[in-house]
Amino acid sequence: MSTNPAINEFDILMRHSLMAFVEFTFTELFPQTTFSDSPHLAVIAAKLEECAAGKCKRLIICLPPRSLKSVMASVAFPAWVLGKFPHKQIICASYGQSLSDKHARDTRTIMASAA
C-alpha cells in the first residue's frame, strides 16, 4: 500500500464515487474531449450505485444518443463494480456484436489503466 496520501485519496474517491469514476473513465477513453458534467449523469450514477448495492434489481436508462449512457452503464459501471467486488459477474448486452466488443475493450482499457 502506498504511503502517498494523494494516491490513497484518489483510490478512495474512485472506489466510492461512481460519478468520479465515470469522469475518470471518460477522460481516459476520450483524452481530447472535455468532460461536461450534467445533472442527468448524477441521476444515472446514483441509480447504478443502487444497483451495485442490491437496492435496485432492474434499471432501464432511456436517453437520446450521445448522453453517455453507454459509457456509464456498459463501460465505467462494470469496471467500477468489479474493482469493488471482484467476485461479481456482469453481463452487458447490446444490439450488435461490434458494439459489445467495443464496450468490452473500453472496460478492459479502464481496468488496465495505470491510474
Protein backbone atom coordinates (compact mmCIF):
# COMPACT_ATOMS: atom_id res chain seq x y z
CA MET A 1 0.00 0.00 0.00
CA SER A 2 1.29 3.40 -0.92
CA THR A 3 2.12 5.96 1.74
CA ASN A 4 1.35 8.85 -0.61
CA PRO A 5 -1.87 10.44 0.74
CA ALA A 6 -2.85 11.84 -2.67
CA ILE A 7 -2.82 8.37 -4.22
CA ASN A 8 -4.82 6.96 -1.32
CA GLU A 9 -7.39 9.75 -1.60
CA PHE A 10 -7.67 9.17 -5.34
CA ASP A 11 -8.17 5.42 -4.82
CA ILE A 12 -10.78 6.02 -2.15
CA LEU A 13 -12.64 8.52 -4.34
CA MET A 14 -12.62 6.16 -7.33
CA ARG A 15 -13.93 3.23 -5.26
CA HIS A 16 -16.69 5.19 -3.50
CA SER A 17 -17.97 7.58 -6.16
CA LEU A 18 -19.22 6.17 -9.43
CA MET A 19 -19.63 9.71 -10.76
CA ALA A 20 -15.92 10.45 -10.14
CA PHE A 21 -15.05 7.12 -11.76
CA VAL A 22 -17.20 8.00 -14.79
CA GLU A 23 -15.33 11.28 -15.22
CA PHE A 24 -12.01 9.39 -14.95
CA THR A 25 -13.25 6.82 -17.48
CA PHE A 26 -14.34 9.49 -19.94
CA THR A 27 -11.01 11.30 -19.64
CA GLU A 28 -9.07 8.05 -20.20
CA LEU A 29 -11.12 7.00 -23.22
CA PHE A 30 -11.50 10.43 -24.82
CA PRO A 31 -8.44 12.46 -23.78
CA GLN A 32 -9.00 15.13 -26.46
CA THR A 33 -12.57 15.83 -25.30
CA THR A 34 -13.53 17.88 -22.25
CA PHE A 35 -15.87 16.13 -19.83
CA SER A 36 -19.02 18.17 -19.33
CA ASP A 37 -20.90 17.32 -16.16
CA SER A 38 -24.68 17.37 -16.32
CA PRO A 39 -27.45 16.68 -13.79
CA HIS A 40 -28.70 13.61 -15.69
CA LEU A 41 -25.28 11.97 -15.21
CA ALA A 42 -25.56 12.27 -11.42
CA VAL A 43 -29.01 10.68 -11.55
CA ILE A 44 -27.73 7.76 -13.65
CA ALA A 45 -24.73 7.31 -11.34
CA ALA A 46 -26.96 7.28 -8.25
CA LYS A 47 -29.28 4.65 -9.77
CA LEU A 48 -26.32 2.50 -10.88
CA GLU A 49 -24.87 2.73 -7.36
CA GLU A 50 -28.24 1.47 -6.07
CA CYS A 51 -27.92 -1.46 -8.48
CA ALA A 52 -24.43 -2.22 -7.18
CA ALA A 53 -25.73 -2.14 -3.61
CA GLY A 54 -28.58 -4.51 -4.47
CA LYS A 55 -31.27 -1.88 -3.81
CA CYS A 56 -32.34 -1.75 -7.45
CA LYS A 57 -32.74 -5.03 -9.31
CA ARG A 58 -33.78 -3.67 -12.72
CA LEU A 59 -32.92 -0.42 -14.41
CA ILE A 60 -33.70 0.92 -17.86
CA ILE A 61 -31.94 4.10 -18.96
CA CYS A 62 -33.85 5.88 -21.72
CA LEU A 63 -31.97 8.86 -23.11
CA PRO A 64 -31.10 10.12 -26.57
CA PRO A 65 -27.87 9.05 -28.26
CA ARG A 66 -24.65 10.71 -27.07
CA SER A 67 -25.94 11.12 -23.50
CA LEU A 68 -23.10 9.00 -22.02
CA LYS A 69 -25.45 6.20 -21.02
CA SER A 70 -23.32 3.50 -22.70
CA VAL A 71 -20.06 4.83 -21.26
CA MET A 72 -21.65 4.91 -17.82
CA ALA A 73 -23.65 1.67 -17.83
CA SER A 74 -21.62 -0.58 -20.14
CA VAL A 75 -18.04 0.61 -19.61
CA ALA A 76 -17.49 2.51 -16.34
CA PHE A 77 -20.06 0.70 -14.21
CA PRO A 78 -18.79 -2.85 -14.88
CA ALA A 79 -15.19 -1.74 -14.23
CA TRP A 80 -16.22 0.08 -11.05
CA VAL A 81 -18.24 -2.84 -9.71
CA LEU A 82 -15.53 -5.39 -10.48
CA GLY A 83 -12.95 -3.14 -8.81
CA LYS A 84 -15.06 -3.10 -5.64
CA PHE A 85 -16.45 -6.63 -5.81
CA PRO A 86 -14.12 -8.87 -7.86
CA HIS A 87 -16.34 -11.91 -7.21
CA LYS A 88 -19.33 -10.38 -9.02
CA GLN A 89 -20.32 -11.42 -12.52
CA ILE A 90 -21.69 -8.92 -15.03
CA ILE A 91 -23.36 -9.43 -18.39
CA CYS A 92 -23.60 -6.50 -20.79
CA ALA A 93 -25.85 -6.89 -23.82
CA SER A 94 -26.07 -4.80 -26.95
CA TYR A 95 -27.91 -4.77 -30.26
CA GLY A 96 -24.71 -5.68 -32.12
CA GLN A 97 -21.57 -7.72 -31.58
CA SER A 98 -19.23 -4.93 -32.70
CA LEU A 99 -20.67 -2.53 -30.10
CA SER A 100 -20.44 -5.20 -27.39
CA ASP A 101 -16.82 -5.82 -28.36
CA LYS A 102 -16.06 -2.09 -28.20
CA HIS A 103 -17.59 -1.76 -24.74
CA ALA A 104 -15.62 -4.81 -23.55
CA ARG A 105 -12.37 -3.38 -24.94
CA ASP A 106 -13.06 0.00 -23.34
CA THR A 107 -13.83 -1.64 -19.99
CA ARG A 108 -10.62 -3.65 -20.20
CA THR A 109 -8.69 -0.45 -21.04
CA ILE A 110 -10.06 1.25 -17.93
CA MET A 111 -9.35 -1.74 -15.72
CA ALA A 112 -5.76 -1.94 -17.02
CA SER A 113 -5.21 1.81 -16.62
CA ALA A 114 -2.19 2.82 -14.54
CA ALA A 115 -4.19 5.38 -12.53
